[in-house]
């Protein structure tokens, strides 16, 4: 789905609940799972438009997120 349509319909990827975000942060030790940096990271569901679960959610820096 194009980004502009996501913005218009608010049909983008579902948000990640705080409890899941905290679990992923602890599991991934506060580092990007791709490059290992601890700078500018956040939890992301790595399955496009998938439901965030502990298996599908990883910590990634913004640079590595763009490469998905």
PDB file of N, CA and C in Angstrom:
ATOM      1  N   UNK A   1       0.847  -1.175   0.000  1.00  0.00           N
ATOM      2  CA  UNK A   1       0.000   0.000   0.000  1.00  0.00           C
ATOM      3  C   UNK A   1       0.893   1.239   0.000  1.00  0.00           C
ATOM      4  N   UNK A   2       0.632   2.193  -0.873  1.00  0.00           N
ATOM      5  CA  UNK A   2       1.461   3.401  -0.919  1.00  0.00           C
ATOM      6  C   UNK A   2       1.373   4.196   0.385  1.00  0.00           C
ATOM      7  N   UNK A   3       2.469   4.852   0.738  1.00  0.00           N
ATOM      8  CA  UNK A   3       2.533   5.629   1.983  1.00  0.00           C
ATOM      9  C   UNK A   3       1.450   6.705   2.027  1.00  0.00           C
ATOM     10  N   UNK A   4       1.185   7.378   0.892  1.00  0.00           N
ATOM     11  CA  UNK A   4       0.174   8.444   0.909  1.00  0.00           C
ATOM     12  C   UNK A   4      -1.199   7.888   1.250  1.00  0.00           C
ATOM     13  N   UNK A   5      -1.491   6.645   0.822  1.00  0.00           N
ATOM     14  CA  UNK A   5      -2.773   6.043   1.142  1.00  0.00           C
ATOM     15  C   UNK A   5      -2.828   5.669   2.621  1.00  0.00           C
ATOM     16  N   UNK A   6      -1.712   5.192   3.159  1.00  0.00           N
ATOM     17  CA  UNK A   6      -1.623   4.928   4.602  1.00  0.00           C
ATOM     18  C   UNK A   6      -1.973   6.185   5.388  1.00  0.00           C
ATOM     19  N   UNK A   7      -1.379   7.312   4.984  1.00  0.00           N
ATOM     20  CA  UNK A   7      -1.595   8.567   5.694  1.00  0.00           C
ATOM     21  C   UNK A   7      -3.050   9.011   5.614  1.00  0.00           C
ATOM     22  N   UNK A   8      -3.679   8.799   4.477  1.00  0.00           N
ATOM     23  CA  UNK A   8      -5.063   9.219   4.299  1.00  0.00           C
ATOM     24  C   UNK A   8      -6.048   8.331   5.050  1.00  0.00           C
ATOM     25  N   UNK A   9      -5.771   7.032   5.081  1.00  0.00           N
ATOM     26  CA  UNK A   9      -6.732   6.095   5.654  1.00  0.00           C
ATOM     27  C   UNK A   9      -6.353   5.634   7.052  1.00  0.00           C
ATOM     28  N   UNK A  10      -5.148   5.993   7.483  1.00  0.00           N
ATOM     29  CA  UNK A  10      -4.633   5.522   8.774  1.00  0.00           C
ATOM     30  C   UNK A  10      -4.625   3.993   8.826  1.00  0.00           C
ATOM     31  N   UNK A  11      -4.340   3.368   7.676  1.00  0.00           N
ATOM     32  CA  UNK A  11      -4.358   1.912   7.571  1.00  0.00           C
ATOM     33  C   UNK A  11      -2.953   1.334   7.589  1.00  0.00           C
ATOM     34  N   UNK A  12      -2.012   2.037   8.151  1.00  0.00           N
ATOM     35  CA  UNK A  12      -0.633   1.583   8.162  1.00  0.00           C
ATOM     36  C   UNK A  12      -0.405   0.422   9.105  1.00  0.00           C
ATOM     37  N   UNK A  13       0.844   0.170   9.379  1.00  0.00           N
ATOM     38  CA  UNK A  13       1.210  -0.929  10.254  1.00  0.00           C
ATOM     39  C   UNK A  13       0.672  -0.677  11.655  1.00  0.00           C
ATOM     40  N   UNK A  14       0.222  -1.740  12.326  1.00  0.00           N
ATOM     41  CA  UNK A  14      -0.301  -1.563  13.685  1.00  0.00           C
ATOM     42  C   UNK A  14       0.788  -1.128  14.656  1.00  0.00           C
ATOM     43  N   UNK A  15       0.381  -0.404  15.683  1.00  0.00           N
ATOM     44  CA  UNK A  15       1.331   0.025  16.699  1.00  0.00           C
ATOM     45  C   UNK A  15       1.824  -1.153  17.528  1.00  0.00           C
ATOM     46  N   UNK A  16       2.969  -0.981  18.143  1.00  0.00           N
ATOM     47  CA  UNK A  16       3.540  -2.032  18.989  1.00  0.00           C
ATOM     48  C   UNK A  16       3.227  -1.690  20.438  1.00  0.00           C
ATOM     49  N   UNK A  17       2.521  -2.573  21.133  1.00  0.00           N
ATOM     50  CA  UNK A  17       2.184  -2.306  22.532  1.00  0.00           C
ATOM     51  C   UNK A  17       3.443  -2.131  23.393  1.00  0.00           C
ATOM     52  N   UNK A  18       3.345  -1.282  24.403  1.00  0.00           N
ATOM     53  CA  UNK A  18       4.496  -0.976  25.253  1.00  0.00           C
ATOM     54  C   UNK A  18       5.079  -2.230  25.907  1.00  0.00           C
ATOM     55  N   UNK A  19       4.219  -3.158  26.332  1.00  0.00           N
ATOM     56  CA  UNK A  19       4.708  -4.381  26.979  1.00  0.00           C
ATOM     57  C   UNK A  19       5.571  -5.203  26.013  1.00  0.00           C
ATOM     58  N   UNK A  20       5.156  -5.307  24.755  1.00  0.00           N
ATOM     59  CA  UNK A  20       5.938  -6.017  23.740  1.00  0.00           C
ATOM     60  C   UNK A  20       7.217  -5.250  23.431  1.00  0.00           C
ATOM     61  N   UNK A  21       7.113  -3.934  23.320  1.00  0.00           N
ATOM     62  CA  UNK A  21       8.286  -3.089  23.057  1.00  0.00           C
ATOM     63  C   UNK A  21       9.350  -3.289  24.145  1.00  0.00           C
ATOM     64  N   UNK A  22       8.915  -3.323  25.406  1.00  0.00           N
ATOM     65  CA  UNK A  22       9.842  -3.519  26.528  1.00  0.00           C
ATOM     66  C   UNK A  22      10.499  -4.897  26.482  1.00  0.00           C
ATOM     67  N   UNK A  23       9.719  -5.930  26.149  1.00  0.00           N
ATOM     68  CA  UNK A  23      10.257  -7.292  26.072  1.00  0.00           C
ATOM     69  C   UNK A  23      11.295  -7.405  24.961  1.00  0.00           C
ATOM     70  N   UNK A  24      11.013  -6.787  23.815  1.00  0.00           N
ATOM     71  CA  UNK A  24      11.940  -6.829  22.677  1.00  0.00           C
ATOM     72  C   UNK A  24      13.211  -6.043  23.007  1.00  0.00           C
ATOM     73  N   UNK A  25      13.041  -4.908  23.678  1.00  0.00           N
ATOM     74  CA  UNK A  25      14.196  -4.088  24.065  1.00  0.00           C
ATOM     75  C   UNK A  25      15.138  -4.895  24.962  1.00  0.00           C
ATOM     76  N   UNK A  26      14.560  -5.615  25.912  1.00  0.00           N
ATOM     77  CA  UNK A  26      15.374  -6.434  26.818  1.00  0.00           C
ATOM     78  C   UNK A  26      16.017  -7.599  26.072  1.00  0.00           C
ATOM     79  N   UNK A  27      15.247  -8.285  25.233  1.00  0.00           N
ATOM     80  CA  UNK A  27      15.766  -9.423  24.473  1.00  0.00           C
ATOM     81  C   UNK A  27      16.924  -9.015  23.567  1.00  0.00           C
ATOM     82  N   UNK A  28      16.763  -7.882  22.863  1.00  0.00           N
ATOM     83  CA  UNK A  28      17.784  -7.436  21.910  1.00  0.00           C
ATOM     84  C   UNK A  28      18.862  -6.571  22.560  1.00  0.00           C
ATOM     85  N   UNK A  29      18.807  -6.454  23.879  1.00  0.00           N
ATOM     86  CA  UNK A  29      19.812  -5.753  24.680  1.00  0.00           C
ATOM     87  C   UNK A  29      20.020  -4.299  24.259  1.00  0.00           C
ATOM     88  N   UNK A  30      18.954  -3.649  23.798  1.00  0.00           N
ATOM     89  CA  UNK A  30      19.026  -2.229  23.466  1.00  0.00           C
ATOM     90  C   UNK A  30      19.907  -1.895  22.280  1.00  0.00           C
ATOM     91  N   UNK A  31      20.104  -2.873  21.374  1.00  0.00           N
ATOM     92  CA  UNK A  31      20.955  -2.657  20.204  1.00  0.00           C
ATOM     93  C   UNK A  31      20.235  -3.071  18.931  1.00  0.00           C
ATOM     94  N   UNK A  32      20.585  -2.436  17.834  1.00  0.00           N
ATOM     95  CA  UNK A  32      20.057  -2.806  16.528  1.00  0.00           C
ATOM     96  C   UNK A  32      20.453  -4.254  16.227  1.00  0.00           C
ATOM     97  N   UNK A  33      19.490  -5.059  15.808  1.00  0.00           N
ATOM     98  CA  UNK A  33      19.778  -6.469  15.531  1.00  0.00           C
ATOM     99  C   UNK A  33      20.541  -6.669  14.229  1.00  0.00           C
ATOM    100  N   UNK A  34      20.615  -5.647  13.386  1.00  0.00           N
ATOM    101  CA  UNK A  34      21.356  -5.753  12.122  1.00  0.00           C
ATOM    102  C   UNK A  34      22.804  -5.297  12.254  1.00  0.00           C
ATOM    103  N   UNK A  35      23.003  -4.076  12.787  1.00  0.00           N
ATOM    104  CA  UNK A  35      24.355  -3.513  12.803  1.00  0.00           C
ATOM    105  C   UNK A  35      24.960  -3.399  14.206  1.00  0.00           C
ATOM    106  N   UNK A  36      24.143  -3.543  15.243  1.00  0.00           N
ATOM    107  CA  UNK A  36      24.664  -3.527  16.605  1.00  0.00           C
ATOM    108  C   UNK A  36      24.757  -2.161  17.268  1.00  0.00           C
ATOM    109  N   UNK A  37      24.374  -1.105  16.580  1.00  0.00           N
ATOM    110  CA  UNK A  37      24.455   0.223  17.185  1.00  0.00           C
ATOM    111  C   UNK A  37      23.384   0.389  18.267  1.00  0.00           C
ATOM    112  N   UNK A  38      23.653   1.295  19.184  1.00  0.00           N
ATOM    113  CA  UNK A  38      22.669   1.631  20.219  1.00  0.00           C
ATOM    114  C   UNK A  38      22.126   3.041  19.984  1.00  0.00           C
ATOM    115  N   UNK A  39      22.419   3.618  18.827  1.00  0.00           N
ATOM    116  CA  UNK A  39      22.004   4.975  18.477  1.00  0.00           C
ATOM    117  C   UNK A  39      20.736   4.955  17.624  1.00  0.00           C
ATOM    118  N   UNK A  40      19.780   5.801  17.961  1.00  0.00           N
ATOM    119  CA  UNK A  40      18.605   6.044  17.126  1.00  0.00           C
ATOM    120  C   UNK A  40      17.848   4.753  16.780  1.00  0.00           C
ATOM    121  N   UNK A  41      17.533   3.931  17.791  1.00  0.00           N
ATOM    122  CA  UNK A  41      16.857   2.656  17.546  1.00  0.00           C
ATOM    123  C   UNK A  41      15.426   2.680  18.074  1.00  0.00           C
ATOM    124  N   UNK A  42      14.625   1.774  17.527  1.00  0.00           N
ATOM    125  CA  UNK A  42      13.249   1.610  17.972  1.00  0.00           C
ATOM    126  C   UNK A  42      12.813   0.193  17.606  1.00  0.00           C
ATOM    127  N   UNK A  43      11.691  -0.229  18.156  1.00  0.00           N
ATOM    128  CA  UNK A  43      11.139  -1.554  17.869  1.00  0.00           C
ATOM    129  C   UNK A  43      10.263  -1.461  16.620  1.00  0.00           C
ATOM    130  N   UNK A  44      10.449  -2.402  15.701  1.00  0.00           N
ATOM    131  CA  UNK A  44       9.684  -2.441  14.462  1.00  0.00           C
ATOM    132  C   UNK A  44       9.235  -3.866  14.182  1.00  0.00           C
ATOM    133  N   UNK A  45       8.035  -4.000  13.628  1.00  0.00           N
ATOM    134  CA  UNK A  45       7.580  -5.291  13.129  1.00  0.00           C
ATOM    135  C   UNK A  45       8.249  -5.473  11.766  1.00  0.00           C
ATOM    136  N   UNK A  46       8.986  -6.563  11.576  1.00  0.00           N
ATOM    137  CA  UNK A  46       9.754  -6.749  10.346  1.00  0.00           C
ATOM    138  C   UNK A  46       8.954  -7.446   9.247  1.00  0.00           C
ATOM    139  N   UNK A  47       7.702  -7.779   9.518  1.00  0.00           N
ATOM    140  CA  UNK A  47       6.812  -8.354   8.518  1.00  0.00           C
ATOM    141  C   UNK A  47       5.884  -7.225   8.056  1.00  0.00           C
ATOM    142  N   UNK A  48       6.011  -6.773   6.807  1.00  0.00           N
ATOM    143  CA  UNK A  48       5.196  -5.655   6.346  1.00  0.00           C
ATOM    144  C   UNK A  48       3.698  -5.902   6.574  1.00  0.00           C
ATOM    145  N   UNK A  49       3.065  -4.950   7.232  1.00  0.00           N
ATOM    146  CA  UNK A  49       1.642  -4.983   7.555  1.00  0.00           C
ATOM    147  C   UNK A  49       1.253  -6.203   8.374  1.00  0.00           C
ATOM    148  N   UNK A  50       2.241  -6.839   9.031  1.00  0.00           N
ATOM    149  CA  UNK A  50       1.966  -7.972   9.899  1.00  0.00           C
ATOM    150  C   UNK A  50       1.644  -7.515  11.312  1.00  0.00           C
ATOM    151  N   UNK A  51       1.092  -8.411  12.072  1.00  0.00           N
ATOM    152  CA  UNK A  51       0.812  -8.115  13.476  1.00  0.00           C
ATOM    153  C   UNK A  51       2.101  -8.253  14.265  1.00  0.00           C
ATOM    154  N   UNK A  52       2.424  -7.277  15.090  1.00  0.00           N
ATOM    155  CA  UNK A  52       3.649  -7.369  15.880  1.00  0.00           C
ATOM    156  C   UNK A  52       3.524  -8.445  16.967  1.00  0.00           C
ATOM    157  N   UNK A  53       4.457  -9.364  16.955  1.00  0.00           N
ATOM    158  CA  UNK A  53       4.574 -10.391  17.979  1.00  0.00           C
ATOM    159  C   UNK A  53       6.026 -10.413  18.416  1.00  0.00           C
ATOM    160  N   UNK A  54       6.347 -11.209  19.409  1.00  0.00           N
ATOM    161  CA  UNK A  54       7.734 -11.272  19.855  1.00  0.00           C
ATOM    162  C   UNK A  54       8.644 -11.833  18.760  1.00  0.00           C
ATOM    163  N   UNK A  55       8.116 -12.711  17.909  1.00  0.00           N
ATOM    164  CA  UNK A  55       8.917 -13.271  16.817  1.00  0.00           C
ATOM    165  C   UNK A  55       9.141 -12.283  15.681  1.00  0.00           C
ATOM    166  N   UNK A  56       8.149 -11.426  15.421  1.00  0.00           N
ATOM    167  CA  UNK A  56       8.225 -10.546  14.249  1.00  0.00           C
ATOM    168  C   UNK A  56       8.687  -9.136  14.577  1.00  0.00           C
ATOM    169  N   UNK A  57       8.980  -8.850  15.840  1.00  0.00           N
ATOM    170  CA  UNK A  57       9.385  -7.510  16.242  1.00  0.00           C
ATOM    171  C   UNK A  57      10.860  -7.519  16.633  1.00  0.00           C
ATOM    172  N   UNK A  58      11.608  -6.562  16.103  1.00  0.00           N
ATOM    173  CA  UNK A  58      13.043  -6.460  16.381  1.00  0.00           C
ATOM    174  C   UNK A  58      13.422  -5.009  16.599  1.00  0.00           C
ATOM    175  N   UNK A  59      14.532  -4.808  17.297  1.00  0.00           N
ATOM    176  CA  UNK A  59      15.091  -3.461  17.426  1.00  0.00           C
ATOM    177  C   UNK A  59      15.934  -3.185  16.193  1.00  0.00           C
ATOM    178  N   UNK A  60      15.707  -2.034  15.586  1.00  0.00           N
ATOM    179  CA  UNK A  60      16.475  -1.620  14.417  1.00  0.00           C
ATOM    180  C   UNK A  60      16.772  -0.135  14.512  1.00  0.00           C
ATOM    181  N   UNK A  61      17.939   0.262  14.010  1.00  0.00           N
ATOM    182  CA  UNK A  61      18.222   1.690  13.898  1.00  0.00           C
ATOM    183  C   UNK A  61      17.507   2.192  12.648  1.00  0.00           C
ATOM    184  N   UNK A  62      17.385   3.494  12.527  1.00  0.00           N
ATOM    185  CA  UNK A  62      16.655   4.054  11.384  1.00  0.00           C
ATOM    186  C   UNK A  62      17.324   3.697  10.055  1.00  0.00           C
ATOM    187  N   UNK A  63      18.650   3.635  10.019  1.00  0.00           N
ATOM    188  CA  UNK A  63      19.360   3.299   8.785  1.00  0.00           C
ATOM    189  C   UNK A  63      19.043   1.868   8.342  1.00  0.00           C
ATOM    190  N   UNK A  64      19.041   0.925   9.279  1.00  0.00           N
ATOM    191  CA  UNK A  64      18.758  -0.473   8.933  1.00  0.00           C
ATOM    192  C   UNK A  64      17.275  -0.662   8.618  1.00  0.00           C
ATOM    193  N   UNK A  65      16.404   0.105   9.239  1.00  0.00           N
ATOM    194  CA  UNK A  65      14.966   0.013   8.971  1.00  0.00           C
ATOM    195  C   UNK A  65      14.693   0.393   7.519  1.00  0.00           C
ATOM    196  N   UNK A  66      15.405   1.391   7.018  1.00  0.00           N
ATOM    197  CA  UNK A  66      15.214   1.817   5.621  1.00  0.00           C
ATOM    198  C   UNK A  66      15.597   0.718   4.641  1.00  0.00           C
ATOM    199  N   UNK A  67      16.489  -0.191   5.043  1.00  0.00           N
ATOM    200  CA  UNK A  67      16.950  -1.252   4.140  1.00  0.00           C
ATOM    201  C   UNK A  67      15.990  -2.428   4.073  1.00  0.00           C
ATOM    202  N   UNK A  68      14.972  -2.450   4.938  1.00  0.00           N
ATOM    203  CA  UNK A  68      14.012  -3.564   4.908  1.00  0.00           C
ATOM    204  C   UNK A  68      13.159  -3.546   3.676  1.00  0.00           C
TER     205      UNK A  68
END
